Amino acid sequence: MTAETLSEDVLNTVAKSLVVRQKCATRDDALRQLAVAAVRDKMAHYRKRLRKLERKHAIDFAGFTSRLQGRATPAEEDDWLSWKAAERLLADWQQAYRELLDAGKR
């Protein structure tokens, strides 16, 4: 059994349980709700990382980028890279969220 098959089995088991307990109307509805919840959790995680960096440096990412131009310390460069990654990953998860919501409307 591959990891992919195992993951599908787990998701299907949870989805069937939600349908049996009448928490969701269909297996597909349950899977969609599980996916939406997972994506929301990821977005919350990256928002939290961004807020932490904004509080640490008392500035937003654009301002931090401008402030570091040509004079960043190694620690500031590390924060900048983490910040940039969190910005990009949040945007990616937000796009996935929009696509999930759009797919649910069809």
Protein backbone atom coordinates (compact mmCIF):
# COMPACT_ATOMS: atom_id res chain seq x y z
CA MET A 1 0.00 0.00 0.00
CA THR A 2 1.45 3.35 -1.00
CA ALA A 3 1.37 6.47 1.14
CA GLU A 4 -1.04 8.02 -1.36
CA THR A 5 -3.45 5.10 -1.05
CA LEU A 6 -3.20 5.23 2.73
CA SER A 7 -3.95 8.98 2.70
CA GLU A 8 -6.98 8.42 0.48
CA ASP A 9 -8.20 5.65 2.77
CA VAL A 10 -7.89 7.88 5.82
CA LEU A 11 -9.71 10.77 4.13
CA ASN A 12 -12.47 8.48 2.86
CA THR A 13 -12.90 6.93 6.31
CA VAL A 14 -13.24 10.35 7.94
CA ALA A 15 -15.58 11.56 5.19
CA LYS A 16 -17.80 8.47 5.50
CA SER A 17 -17.93 8.96 9.27
CA LEU A 18 -19.08 12.56 8.82
CA VAL A 19 -21.83 11.44 6.45
CA VAL A 20 -22.96 8.63 8.76
CA ARG A 21 -23.13 11.09 11.67
CA GLN A 22 -25.09 13.44 9.41
CA LYS A 23 -22.49 16.21 9.72
CA CYS A 24 -22.23 16.34 5.92
CA ALA A 25 -24.70 15.40 3.20
CA THR A 26 -22.28 13.52 0.95
CA ARG A 27 -18.77 12.09 0.93
CA ASP A 28 -17.69 14.79 -1.54
CA ASP A 29 -19.15 17.50 0.69
CA ALA A 30 -17.25 16.06 3.66
CA LEU A 31 -13.98 15.92 1.68
CA ARG A 32 -14.46 19.51 0.53
CA GLN A 33 -15.10 20.66 4.10
CA LEU A 34 -11.98 18.82 5.30
CA ALA A 35 -9.93 20.46 2.56
CA VAL A 36 -11.32 23.93 3.34
CA ALA A 37 -10.52 23.46 7.04
CA ALA A 38 -6.95 22.36 6.26
CA VAL A 39 -6.37 25.31 3.92
CA ARG A 40 -7.79 27.76 6.48
CA ASP A 41 -5.39 26.33 9.07
CA LYS A 42 -2.46 26.89 6.72
CA MET A 43 -3.54 30.47 6.02
CA ALA A 44 -3.83 31.14 9.76
CA HIS A 45 -0.35 29.68 10.31
CA TYR A 46 1.27 31.97 7.74
CA ARG A 47 -0.69 35.02 8.93
CA LYS A 48 0.62 34.34 12.42
CA ARG A 49 4.20 34.12 11.11
CA LEU A 50 3.76 37.42 9.26
CA ARG A 51 2.31 39.18 12.32
CA LYS A 52 5.21 37.91 14.42
CA LEU A 53 7.74 39.39 11.99
CA GLU A 54 5.80 42.66 11.74
CA ARG A 55 5.79 42.97 15.54
CA LYS A 56 9.46 42.02 15.80
CA HIS A 57 10.55 44.70 13.33
CA ALA A 58 7.68 47.17 13.89
CA ILE A 59 7.21 47.55 10.14
CA ASP A 60 5.54 45.81 7.20
CA PHE A 61 7.42 43.69 4.65
CA ALA A 62 7.75 46.45 2.04
CA GLY A 63 9.16 48.84 4.63
CA PHE A 64 11.51 46.20 6.00
CA THR A 65 12.75 45.46 2.47
CA SER A 66 13.44 49.16 1.84
CA ARG A 67 15.17 49.58 5.18
CA LEU A 68 17.55 46.67 4.48
CA GLN A 69 18.67 47.76 1.01
CA GLY A 70 22.45 47.49 0.95
CA ARG A 71 22.96 47.20 4.70
CA ALA A 72 21.32 44.06 6.08
CA THR A 73 22.89 41.95 8.80
CA PRO A 74 22.89 38.16 8.38
CA ALA A 75 20.08 37.90 10.96
CA GLU A 76 18.02 40.50 9.10
CA GLU A 77 18.60 38.64 5.84
CA ASP A 78 17.33 35.45 7.50
CA ASP A 79 14.22 37.27 8.70
CA TRP A 80 13.72 38.78 5.24
CA LEU A 81 13.92 35.34 3.60
CA SER A 82 11.48 33.87 6.15
CA TRP A 83 9.16 36.82 5.66
CA LYS A 84 9.27 36.57 1.88
CA ALA A 85 8.58 32.82 2.04
CA ALA A 86 5.64 33.34 4.42
CA GLU A 87 4.21 36.05 2.14
CA ARG A 88 4.45 33.75 -0.88
CA LEU A 89 3.08 30.70 0.91
CA LEU A 90 0.15 32.69 2.30
CA ALA A 91 -0.65 33.90 -1.22
CA ASP A 92 -0.47 30.32 -2.53
CA TRP A 93 -2.82 29.02 0.19
CA GLN A 94 -5.20 31.93 -0.39
CA GLN A 95 -5.33 31.00 -4.08
CA ALA A 96 -6.00 27.37 -3.18
CA TYR A 97 -8.80 28.54 -0.87
CA ARG A 98 -10.42 30.62 -3.63
CA GLU A 99 -10.19 27.65 -6.01
CA LEU A 100 -11.80 25.34 -3.44
CA LEU A 101 -14.64 27.78 -2.90
CA ASP A 102 -15.13 28.22 -6.65
CA ALA A 103 -15.15 24.44 -7.18
CA GLY A 104 -17.81 24.13 -4.48
CA LYS A 105 -20.10 26.51 -6.37
CA ARG A 106 -20.16 24.31 -9.47
